[in-house]
C-alpha atoms as a PDB file:
ATOM      1  CA  MET A   1      29.737 -59.760  66.195  1.00  0.00           C
ATOM      2  CA  PHE A   2      28.612 -63.173  67.400  1.00  0.00           C
ATOM      3  CA  LYS A   3      29.437 -62.231  71.006  1.00  0.00           C
ATOM      4  CA  VAL A   4      27.171 -59.193  70.850  1.00  0.00           C
ATOM      5  CA  PHE A   5      24.319 -61.179  69.293  1.00  0.00           C
ATOM      6  CA  LYS A   6      24.814 -63.944  71.862  1.00  0.00           C
ATOM      7  CA  ARG A   7      24.642 -61.366  74.691  1.00  0.00           C
ATOM      8  CA  PHE A   8      21.499 -59.870  73.150  1.00  0.00           C
ATOM      9  CA  CYS A   9      19.848 -63.298  72.901  1.00  0.00           C
ATOM     10  CA  LEU A  10      20.852 -64.173  76.457  1.00  0.00           C
ATOM     11  CA  THR A  11      19.258 -60.946  77.663  1.00  0.00           C
ATOM     12  CA  ILE A  12      16.043 -61.811  75.789  1.00  0.00           C
ATOM     13  CA  VAL A  13      15.973 -65.264  77.420  1.00  0.00           C
ATOM     14  CA  LEU A  14      16.599 -63.750  80.850  1.00  0.00           C
ATOM     15  CA  VAL A  15      13.798 -61.227  80.374  1.00  0.00           C
ATOM     16  CA  GLY A  16      11.434 -63.998  79.288  1.00  0.00           C
ATOM     17  CA  PHE A  17      12.351 -66.093  82.319  1.00  0.00           C
ATOM     18  CA  LEU A  18      11.866 -63.155  84.702  1.00  0.00           C
ATOM     19  CA  LEU A  19       8.558 -62.279  83.094  1.00  0.00           C
ATOM     20  CA  LEU A  20       7.282 -65.839  83.352  1.00  0.00           C
ATOM     21  CA  THR A  21       8.408 -66.354  86.935  1.00  0.00           C
ATOM     22  CA  THR A  22       7.602 -62.968  88.436  1.00  0.00           C
ATOM     23  CA  GLY A  23       5.142 -61.351  86.067  1.00  0.00           C
ATOM     24  CA  THR A  24       7.421 -58.309  85.845  1.00  0.00           C
ATOM     25  CA  PHE A  25      10.942 -57.538  84.790  1.00  0.00           C
ATOM     26  CA  SER A  26      13.367 -54.668  85.035  1.00  0.00           C
ATOM     27  CA  VAL A  27      16.159 -55.841  82.739  1.00  0.00           C
ATOM     28  CA  SER A  28      16.255 -54.129  79.354  1.00  0.00           C
ATOM     29  CA  ALA A  29      16.866 -56.301  76.310  1.00  0.00           C
ATOM     30  CA  GLN A  30      17.170 -53.278  74.113  1.00  0.00           C
ATOM     31  CA  ASN A  31      19.959 -51.039  72.920  1.00  0.00           C
ATOM     32  CA  VAL A  32      23.021 -53.278  73.031  1.00  0.00           C
ATOM     33  CA  ASP A  33      25.671 -51.132  71.295  1.00  0.00           C
ATOM     34  CA  ILE A  34      27.860 -52.598  68.551  1.00  0.00           C
ATOM     35  CA  GLN A  35      30.571 -51.102  66.365  1.00  0.00           C
ATOM     36  CA  ILE A  36      29.881 -50.492  62.672  1.00  0.00           C
ATOM     37  CA  LYS A  37      32.638 -52.976  61.783  1.00  0.00           C
ATOM     38  CA  ASP A  38      30.670 -55.674  63.663  1.00  0.00           C
ATOM     39  CA  VAL A  39      27.379 -55.101  61.817  1.00  0.00           C
ATOM     40  CA  PRO A  40      26.536 -58.103  59.589  1.00  0.00           C
ATOM     41  CA  PRO A  41      27.387 -57.300  55.938  1.00  0.00           C
ATOM     42  CA  GLN A  42      23.821 -57.844  54.647  1.00  0.00           C
ATOM     43  CA  VAL A  43      22.464 -55.430  57.282  1.00  0.00           C
ATOM     44  CA  LEU A  44      24.981 -52.688  56.512  1.00  0.00           C
ATOM     45  CA  LEU A  45      24.456 -53.159  52.773  1.00  0.00           C
ATOM     46  CA  SER A  46      20.695 -52.666  53.232  1.00  0.00           C
ATOM     47  CA  ALA A  47      21.244 -49.421  55.138  1.00  0.00           C
ATOM     48  CA  LYS A  48      23.667 -48.213  52.447  1.00  0.00           C
ATOM     49  CA  ARG A  49      21.121 -48.984  49.720  1.00  0.00           C
ATOM     50  CA  VAL A  50      18.458 -46.901  51.471  1.00  0.00           C
ATOM     51  CA  LEU A  51      20.747 -43.943  52.265  1.00  0.00           C
ATOM     52  CA  PRO A  52      23.845 -44.355  50.058  1.00  0.00           C
ATOM     53  CA  ASP A  53      25.440 -41.024  51.016  1.00  0.00           C
ATOM     54  CA  ALA A  54      25.054 -41.388  54.792  1.00  0.00           C
ATOM     55  CA  LYS A  55      28.104 -41.656  57.036  1.00  0.00           C
ATOM     56  CA  TRP A  56      27.410 -44.494  59.502  1.00  0.00           C
ATOM     57  CA  THR A  57      28.815 -44.026  62.999  1.00  0.00           C
ATOM     58  CA  ILE A  58      27.215 -46.434  65.509  1.00  0.00           C
ATOM     59  CA  ALA A  59      24.771 -49.314  65.684  1.00  0.00           C
ATOM     60  CA  ASN A  60      22.865 -51.241  68.324  1.00  0.00           C
ATOM     61  CA  TRP A  61      20.681 -54.287  68.697  1.00  0.00           C
ATOM     62  CA  ASP A  62      17.073 -53.541  69.574  1.00  0.00           C
ATOM     63  CA  LEU A  63      13.633 -55.034  69.274  1.00  0.00           C
ATOM     64  CA  GLY A  64      11.513 -53.889  66.362  1.00  0.00           C
ATOM     65  CA  ASP A  65       7.880 -52.853  66.679  1.00  0.00           C
ATOM     66  CA  ASN A  66       6.898 -56.459  65.920  1.00  0.00           C
ATOM     67  CA  GLY A  67       9.216 -57.911  68.594  1.00  0.00           C
ATOM     68  CA  LEU A  68      11.847 -59.202  66.152  1.00  0.00           C
ATOM     69  CA  PRO A  69      15.492 -58.203  66.604  1.00  0.00           C
ATOM     70  CA  VAL A  70      16.680 -55.293  64.499  1.00  0.00           C
ATOM     71  CA  ILE A  71      19.956 -53.469  64.205  1.00  0.00           C
ATOM     72  CA  GLU A  72      19.564 -49.701  64.426  1.00  0.00           C
ATOM     73  CA  ILE A  73      22.312 -48.116  62.343  1.00  0.00           C
ATOM     74  CA  GLU A  74      22.844 -44.423  63.065  1.00  0.00           C
ATOM     75  CA  GLY A  75      24.749 -41.819  61.143  1.00  0.00           C
ATOM     76  CA  THR A  76      24.514 -38.464  59.421  1.00  0.00           C
ATOM     77  CA  LEU A  77      23.398 -37.280  56.018  1.00  0.00           C
ATOM     78  CA  ASN A  78      23.908 -33.660  54.974  1.00  0.00           C
ATOM     79  CA  GLY A  79      24.673 -32.778  58.589  1.00  0.00           C
ATOM     80  CA  LYS A  80      21.456 -34.280  59.969  1.00  0.00           C
ATOM     81  CA  LYS A  81      20.995 -37.447  62.030  1.00  0.00           C
ATOM     82  CA  VAL A  82      19.606 -40.506  60.249  1.00  0.00           C
ATOM     83  CA  GLU A  83      18.797 -44.007  61.456  1.00  0.00           C
ATOM     84  CA  VAL A  84      17.905 -47.168  59.559  1.00  0.00           C
ATOM     85  CA  ASP A  85      16.420 -50.117  61.466  1.00  0.00           C
ATOM     86  CA  VAL A  86      17.307 -53.332  59.650  1.00  0.00           C
ATOM     87  CA  TYR A  87      16.223 -56.922  60.363  1.00  0.00           C
ATOM     88  CA  THR A  88      19.016 -59.493  60.516  1.00  0.00           C
ATOM     89  CA  ASP A  89      18.035 -60.806  57.053  1.00  0.00           C
ATOM     90  CA  GLY A  90      18.575 -57.332  55.571  1.00  0.00           C
ATOM     91  CA  GLY A  91      14.917 -56.285  55.414  1.00  0.00           C
ATOM     92  CA  ILE A  92      14.180 -52.679  56.355  1.00  0.00           C
ATOM     93  CA  GLU A  93      11.859 -52.015  59.287  1.00  0.00           C
ATOM     94  CA  GLU A  94      12.083 -48.227  59.436  1.00  0.00           C
ATOM     95  CA  VAL A  95      14.043 -45.188  58.237  1.00  0.00           C
ATOM     96  CA  GLU A  96      14.226 -42.085  60.445  1.00  0.00           C
ATOM     97  CA  ARG A  97      15.583 -38.692  59.401  1.00  0.00           C
ATOM     98  CA  ASP A  98      15.966 -35.533  61.465  1.00  0.00           C
ATOM     99  CA  ILE A  99      14.153 -32.692  59.723  1.00  0.00           C
ATOM    100  CA  SER A 100      13.496 -29.024  60.368  1.00  0.00           C
ATOM    101  CA  GLU A 101      10.232 -27.832  61.866  1.00  0.00           C
ATOM    102  CA  SER A 102       9.377 -26.148  58.553  1.00  0.00           C
ATOM    103  CA  GLU A 103       9.326 -29.557  56.829  1.00  0.00           C
ATOM    104  CA  VAL A 104       6.475 -30.844  59.041  1.00  0.00           C
ATOM    105  CA  PRO A 105       3.042 -30.802  57.341  1.00  0.00           C
ATOM    106  CA  PRO A 106       0.635 -28.172  58.730  1.00  0.00           C
ATOM    107  CA  VAL A 107      -1.913 -30.806  59.780  1.00  0.00           C
ATOM    108  CA  VAL A 108       0.720 -32.465  61.995  1.00  0.00           C
ATOM    109  CA  MET A 109       1.765 -29.142  63.548  1.00  0.00           C
ATOM    110  CA  THR A 110      -1.925 -28.380  64.227  1.00  0.00           C
ATOM    111  CA  ALA A 111      -2.298 -31.706  66.068  1.00  0.00           C
ATOM    112  CA  LEU A 112       0.830 -30.995  68.138  1.00  0.00           C
ATOM    113  CA  LYS A 113      -0.485 -27.568  69.162  1.00  0.00           C
ATOM    114  CA  LYS A 114      -3.932 -29.000  69.922  1.00  0.00           C
ATOM    115  CA  TYR A 115      -2.806 -31.890  72.149  1.00  0.00           C
ATOM    116  CA  VAL A 116       0.381 -30.430  73.666  1.00  0.00           C
ATOM    117  CA  PRO A 117       0.015 -26.652  73.327  1.00  0.00           C
ATOM    118  CA  THR A 118       3.034 -25.736  75.492  1.00  0.00           C
ATOM    119  CA  PHE A 119       5.434 -28.225  73.884  1.00  0.00           C
ATOM    120  CA  GLN A 120       8.859 -26.711  73.138  1.00  0.00           C
ATOM    121  CA  ILE A 121      10.390 -28.470  70.115  1.00  0.00           C
ATOM    122  CA  ALA A 122      14.073 -29.378  70.455  1.00  0.00           C
ATOM    123  CA  ALA A 123      14.204 -31.893  67.577  1.00  0.00           C
ATOM    124  CA  VAL A 124      11.915 -33.409  64.936  1.00  0.00           C
ATOM    125  CA  ASN A 125      12.290 -36.561  62.896  1.00  0.00           C
ATOM    126  CA  LYS A 126      10.314 -38.183  60.120  1.00  0.00           C
ATOM    127  CA  SER A 127       9.791 -41.937  60.175  1.00  0.00           C
ATOM    128  CA  GLU A 128       9.213 -43.962  57.021  1.00  0.00           C
ATOM    129  CA  THR A 129       8.051 -47.557  56.767  1.00  0.00           C
ATOM    130  CA  SER A 130       8.107 -49.264  53.357  1.00  0.00           C
ATOM    131  CA  GLY A 131       9.015 -45.939  51.760  1.00  0.00           C
ATOM    132  CA  VAL A 132       5.901 -44.176  53.089  1.00  0.00           C
ATOM    133  CA  VAL A 133       5.924 -41.527  55.832  1.00  0.00           C
ATOM    134  CA  ASP A 134       4.421 -43.149  58.914  1.00  0.00           C
ATOM    135  CA  ARG A 135       4.837 -40.498  61.614  1.00  0.00           C
ATOM    136  CA  TYR A 136       6.640 -37.453  62.888  1.00  0.00           C
ATOM    137  CA  GLU A 137       8.348 -37.480  66.279  1.00  0.00           C
ATOM    138  CA  PHE A 138       8.923 -34.319  68.285  1.00  0.00           C
ATOM    139  CA  ARG A 139      11.316 -34.246  71.262  1.00  0.00           C
ATOM    140  CA  ASP A 140      11.874 -31.567  73.869  1.00  0.00           C
ATOM    141  CA  SER A 141      14.886 -30.950  76.087  1.00  0.00           C
ATOM    142  CA  ASN A 142      13.221 -32.677  79.083  1.00  0.00           C
ATOM    143  CA  GLY A 143      12.889 -36.148  77.541  1.00  0.00           C
ATOM    144  CA  LEU A 144       9.269 -35.781  76.410  1.00  0.00           C
ATOM    145  CA  SER A 145       8.426 -37.276  73.025  1.00  0.00           C
ATOM    146  CA  VAL A 146       5.286 -36.745  70.939  1.00  0.00           C
ATOM    147  CA  LYS A 147       4.666 -39.001  67.940  1.00  0.00           C
ATOM    148  CA  ILE A 148       1.995 -37.917  65.466  1.00  0.00           C
ATOM    149  CA  GLY A 149       0.743 -39.832  62.423  1.00  0.00           C
ATOM    150  CA  GLU A 150       1.307 -38.332  58.987  1.00  0.00           C
ATOM    151  CA  PHE A 151      -2.258 -36.969  58.818  1.00  0.00           C
ATOM    152  CA  GLY A 152      -2.353 -35.752  62.427  1.00  0.00           C
ATOM    153  CA  GLN A 153      -4.760 -38.527  63.397  1.00  0.00           C
ATOM    154  CA  ARG A 154      -2.652 -40.568  65.877  1.00  0.00           C
ATOM    155  CA  VAL A 155      -0.891 -38.997  68.836  1.00  0.00           C
ATOM    156  CA  LEU A 156       1.367 -40.788  71.325  1.00  0.00           C
ATOM    157  CA  ILE A 157       3.052 -38.906  74.157  1.00  0.00           C
ATOM    158  CA  THR A 158       5.907 -40.618  76.036  1.00  0.00           C
ATOM    159  CA  SER A 159       8.703 -39.721  78.395  1.00  0.00           C
ATOM    160  CA  GLU A 160      12.224 -41.109  78.678  1.00  0.00           C
ATOM    161  CA  ASP A 161      11.574 -41.374  82.425  1.00  0.00           C
ATOM    162  CA  ALA A 162       8.485 -43.570  82.004  1.00  0.00           C
ATOM    163  CA  GLY A 163       8.788 -46.786  83.964  1.00  0.00           C
ATOM    164  CA  ARG A 164      11.720 -45.640  86.091  1.00  0.00           C
END
């Protein structure tokens, strides 16, 4: 566990150095995979408290939305993918659950059709922060992602190929 965290921290330092010296960087400090057995106990316990019936399969170090390190713990619940992003102190950053298209509120589907009318949905997930739905994320089979706020008011379109 310590080795993985040490490698993650070293990558962060390297990225900072490259950014300061060159103004750009191409090394990713995100998504350092770790085994479930190597997840710190307080982090795994937090994920289990949020989704007690989930079967956890993989985890990775990442940077949270606020720039702090989080461990993304992935698994399944009732046959659907779930992910809990947990800070190293055990605090929860975010909970994501794959859902069916029929579970998406109409106002969110209207926003999707308005801004990306030809979008072909391959997967949908619901993201919760502090127990409140924050956004819905739609993915297609080509790596395009559309994130829409719970009331259809915020739309962010990204691609897995962005920046490559």
